[in-house]
Each structure stands twice: as C-alpha cells, then as structure tokens.
C-alpha atoms as a PDB file:
ATOM      1  CA  GLN A   1     183.696 -30.186  62.679  1.00  0.00           C
ATOM      2  CA  VAL A   2     181.064 -31.111  60.116  1.00  0.00           C
ATOM      3  CA  GLN A   3     178.220 -28.827  59.124  1.00  0.00           C
ATOM      4  CA  LEU A   4     175.138 -30.034  57.287  1.00  0.00           C
ATOM      5  CA  VAL A   5     172.600 -27.798  55.578  1.00  0.00           C
ATOM      6  CA  GLU A   6     169.390 -29.206  54.150  1.00  0.00           C
ATOM      7  CA  SER A   7     167.327 -27.493  51.487  1.00  0.00           C
ATOM      8  CA  GLY A   8     164.650 -28.247  48.945  1.00  0.00           C
ATOM      9  CA  GLY A   9     161.625 -28.683  51.151  1.00  0.00           C
ATOM     10  CA  GLY A  10     158.305 -27.069  50.421  1.00  0.00           C
ATOM     11  CA  LEU A  11     154.610 -27.561  49.785  1.00  0.00           C
ATOM     12  CA  VAL A  12     153.538 -30.026  47.109  1.00  0.00           C
ATOM     13  CA  GLN A  13     150.337 -31.770  46.142  1.00  0.00           C
ATOM     14  CA  THR A  14     149.767 -35.493  46.505  1.00  0.00           C
ATOM     15  CA  GLY A  15     151.578 -37.305  43.740  1.00  0.00           C
ATOM     16  CA  GLY A  16     154.118 -34.558  43.312  1.00  0.00           C
ATOM     17  CA  SER A  17     157.892 -34.617  43.672  1.00  0.00           C
ATOM     18  CA  LEU A  18     160.580 -32.812  45.596  1.00  0.00           C
ATOM     19  CA  ARG A  19     164.326 -33.156  45.766  1.00  0.00           C
ATOM     20  CA  LEU A  20     166.017 -32.503  49.068  1.00  0.00           C
ATOM     21  CA  SER A  21     169.687 -31.616  49.300  1.00  0.00           C
ATOM     22  CA  CYS A  22     172.094 -31.965  52.186  1.00  0.00           C
ATOM     23  CA  ALA A  23     175.325 -30.058  51.716  1.00  0.00           C
ATOM     24  CA  ALA A  24     178.239 -31.019  53.929  1.00  0.00           C
ATOM     25  CA  SER A  25     181.139 -28.782  54.821  1.00  0.00           C
ATOM     26  CA  GLY A  26     184.040 -29.090  57.176  1.00  0.00           C
ATOM     27  CA  ARG A  27     185.746 -32.324  58.043  1.00  0.00           C
ATOM     28  CA  THR A  28     183.631 -35.257  56.852  1.00  0.00           C
ATOM     29  CA  LEU A  29     184.454 -38.887  57.505  1.00  0.00           C
ATOM     30  CA  SER A  30     184.705 -40.945  54.363  1.00  0.00           C
ATOM     31  CA  ASN A  31     183.765 -44.117  56.213  1.00  0.00           C
ATOM     32  CA  SER A  32     180.421 -42.940  57.591  1.00  0.00           C
ATOM     33  CA  ASN A  33     176.960 -43.258  56.185  1.00  0.00           C
ATOM     34  CA  MET A  34     174.804 -40.324  55.242  1.00  0.00           C
ATOM     35  CA  ILE A  35     171.277 -40.815  56.518  1.00  0.00           C
ATOM     36  CA  TRP A  36     167.931 -39.088  56.043  1.00  0.00           C
ATOM     37  CA  TYR A  37     165.420 -39.147  58.872  1.00  0.00           C
ATOM     38  CA  ARG A  38     162.084 -37.457  59.242  1.00  0.00           C
ATOM     39  CA  ARG A  39     159.811 -36.400  62.070  1.00  0.00           C
ATOM     40  CA  ALA A  40     156.119 -36.004  61.415  1.00  0.00           C
ATOM     41  CA  PRO A  41     153.949 -33.901  63.739  1.00  0.00           C
ATOM     42  CA  GLY A  42     153.241 -35.804  66.942  1.00  0.00           C
ATOM     43  CA  LYS A  43     155.339 -38.784  65.910  1.00  0.00           C
ATOM     44  CA  GLU A  44     158.747 -40.198  66.663  1.00  0.00           C
ATOM     45  CA  ARG A  45     161.661 -39.591  64.360  1.00  0.00           C
ATOM     46  CA  GLU A  46     161.918 -42.329  61.759  1.00  0.00           C
ATOM     47  CA  PHE A  47     164.593 -43.566  59.399  1.00  0.00           C
ATOM     48  CA  VAL A  48     164.026 -42.777  55.724  1.00  0.00           C
ATOM     49  CA  ALA A  49     167.103 -43.742  53.723  1.00  0.00           C
ATOM     50  CA  THR A  50     170.850 -44.121  53.918  1.00  0.00           C
ATOM     51  CA  ILE A  51     173.793 -44.335  51.561  1.00  0.00           C
ATOM     52  CA  THR A  52     176.997 -46.049  52.602  1.00  0.00           C
ATOM     53  CA  PRO A  53     180.529 -44.955  51.682  1.00  0.00           C
ATOM     54  CA  SER A  54     180.576 -47.690  49.031  1.00  0.00           C
ATOM     55  CA  GLY A  55     177.318 -46.419  47.558  1.00  0.00           C
ATOM     56  CA  MET A  56     174.927 -49.028  48.891  1.00  0.00           C
ATOM     57  CA  THR A  57     171.468 -47.661  49.589  1.00  0.00           C
ATOM     58  CA  TYR A  58     168.784 -48.740  52.014  1.00  0.00           C
ATOM     59  CA  TYR A  59     165.252 -47.452  52.460  1.00  0.00           C
ATOM     60  CA  ALA A  60     162.406 -47.568  54.897  1.00  0.00           C
ATOM     61  CA  HIS A  61     159.611 -49.800  53.688  1.00  0.00           C
ATOM     62  CA  SER A  62     157.255 -46.834  53.591  1.00  0.00           C
ATOM     63  CA  VAL A  63     159.321 -44.986  50.976  1.00  0.00           C
ATOM     64  CA  LYS A  64     160.935 -47.793  49.002  1.00  0.00           C
ATOM     65  CA  GLY A  65     160.210 -47.445  45.306  1.00  0.00           C
ATOM     66  CA  ARG A  66     159.265 -43.774  45.668  1.00  0.00           C
ATOM     67  CA  PHE A  67     162.374 -42.166  47.189  1.00  0.00           C
ATOM     68  CA  THR A  68     165.941 -42.327  45.907  1.00  0.00           C
ATOM     69  CA  ILE A  69     169.033 -41.334  47.869  1.00  0.00           C
ATOM     70  CA  SER A  70     172.147 -40.345  45.968  1.00  0.00           C
ATOM     71  CA  ARG A  71     175.286 -38.310  46.430  1.00  0.00           C
ATOM     72  CA  ASP A  72     177.725 -36.123  44.596  1.00  0.00           C
ATOM     73  CA  LYS A  73     181.155 -36.679  46.110  1.00  0.00           C
ATOM     74  CA  ALA A  74     182.648 -33.686  44.320  1.00  0.00           C
ATOM     75  CA  THR A  75     180.254 -31.247  45.990  1.00  0.00           C
ATOM     76  CA  ARG A  76     179.792 -33.353  49.145  1.00  0.00           C
ATOM     77  CA  THR A  77     176.055 -33.197  48.704  1.00  0.00           C
ATOM     78  CA  VAL A  78     173.531 -35.937  49.369  1.00  0.00           C
ATOM     79  CA  TYR A  79     170.153 -35.854  47.683  1.00  0.00           C
ATOM     80  CA  LEU A  80     166.794 -37.374  48.436  1.00  0.00           C
ATOM     81  CA  GLN A  81     164.566 -37.523  45.374  1.00  0.00           C
ATOM     82  CA  MET A  82     160.998 -37.971  46.527  1.00  0.00           C
ATOM     83  CA  ASN A  83     158.354 -38.989  44.006  1.00  0.00           C
ATOM     84  CA  SER A  84     154.701 -39.947  44.318  1.00  0.00           C
ATOM     85  CA  LEU A  85     154.473 -38.006  47.545  1.00  0.00           C
ATOM     86  CA  LYS A  86     151.665 -38.729  49.972  1.00  0.00           C
ATOM     87  CA  PRO A  87     150.210 -36.654  52.817  1.00  0.00           C
ATOM     88  CA  GLU A  88     151.807 -39.090  55.266  1.00  0.00           C
ATOM     89  CA  ASP A  89     155.210 -37.995  53.962  1.00  0.00           C
ATOM     90  CA  THR A  90     154.623 -34.604  55.580  1.00  0.00           C
ATOM     91  CA  ALA A  91     157.450 -34.095  58.080  1.00  0.00           C
ATOM     92  CA  ILE A  92     160.631 -32.245  58.833  1.00  0.00           C
ATOM     93  CA  TYR A  93     163.424 -34.049  57.029  1.00  0.00           C
ATOM     94  CA  TYR A  94     166.881 -34.171  58.548  1.00  0.00           C
ATOM     95  CA  CYS A  95     170.177 -35.433  57.215  1.00  0.00           C
ATOM     96  CA  THR A  96     172.842 -36.755  59.494  1.00  0.00           C
ATOM     97  CA  HIS A  97     176.484 -37.703  59.247  1.00  0.00           C
ATOM     98  CA  ALA A  98     177.261 -39.013  62.683  1.00  0.00           C
ATOM     99  CA  PRO A  99     177.282 -37.277  65.051  1.00  0.00           C
ATOM    100  CA  THR A 100     176.200 -34.121  63.231  1.00  0.00           C
ATOM    101  CA  TRP A 101     172.624 -33.232  62.276  1.00  0.00           C
ATOM    102  CA  GLY A 102     171.335 -30.592  59.942  1.00  0.00           C
ATOM    103  CA  GLN A 103     168.654 -28.117  60.903  1.00  0.00           C
ATOM    104  CA  GLY A 104     165.953 -29.849  58.900  1.00  0.00           C
ATOM    105  CA  THR A 105     163.738 -28.867  56.000  1.00  0.00           C
ATOM    106  CA  GLN A 106     159.949 -28.935  56.056  1.00  0.00           C
ATOM    107  CA  VAL A 107     158.074 -31.046  53.537  1.00  0.00           C
ATOM    108  CA  THR A 108     154.315 -30.636  53.370  1.00  0.00           C
ATOM    109  CA  VAL A 109     152.159 -32.746  51.079  1.00  0.00           C
ATOM    110  CA  SER A 110     148.606 -31.549  50.614  1.00  0.00           C
ATOM    111  CA  ALA A 111     145.764 -33.984  50.004  1.00  0.00           C
END
C-alpha cells in the first residue's frame, strides 16, 4: 500500500513561487510515473506534470516553462517547483502514483 502526502501549498502573489512536495511511503512501484494534477474551483481536474521512472518529464501547455517537476529517489519525494505564478494557477494540487492519490494541497495566487 502506497501513501502520498502533499505539502508546500499556500497563498502567494502573482509572479511568486512555491514548491510543492509529495512524499511517498509504503510499497511504491519503480515502473510507474509520478503525476501532479490540479483542480480549480468549478473546473475539471487537469494534468499538470509527470515524471517517468527514467526521469523524463512532461508538462501541460499552460505551465510549461514555469513549473518544474523533479524527484529525490533517496527520500521518495517528488517536487513541483512553480514559478511566475498566475491567479489561474489557483487550485488544489494532487500527486498520484497509480492508483493512489494524495489528499491535495491548496495553492492560491492573489492578483
């Protein structure tokens, strides 16, 4: 059983930065991607970024060039560095390692 715990969310002004963390514990599968999603108020959940077991990264068009996904294998933690934040980035951010989801962390970007 895998457990995922996100942290690092908060309130930031437009143009600011935050770094989200997703700490994994329990039995993790080395051949599965780690993925960040987000759900904004009144909107569907959307893909943000993923990192593959080999370290390849992929991003949603809306965050490419501003967000960076990375991982620390030793601590089994995945990070999402978010720069140049915009109000439209306001959402609950979730990490997932199929089929497990974390509880989410709120990111609020003020105008």
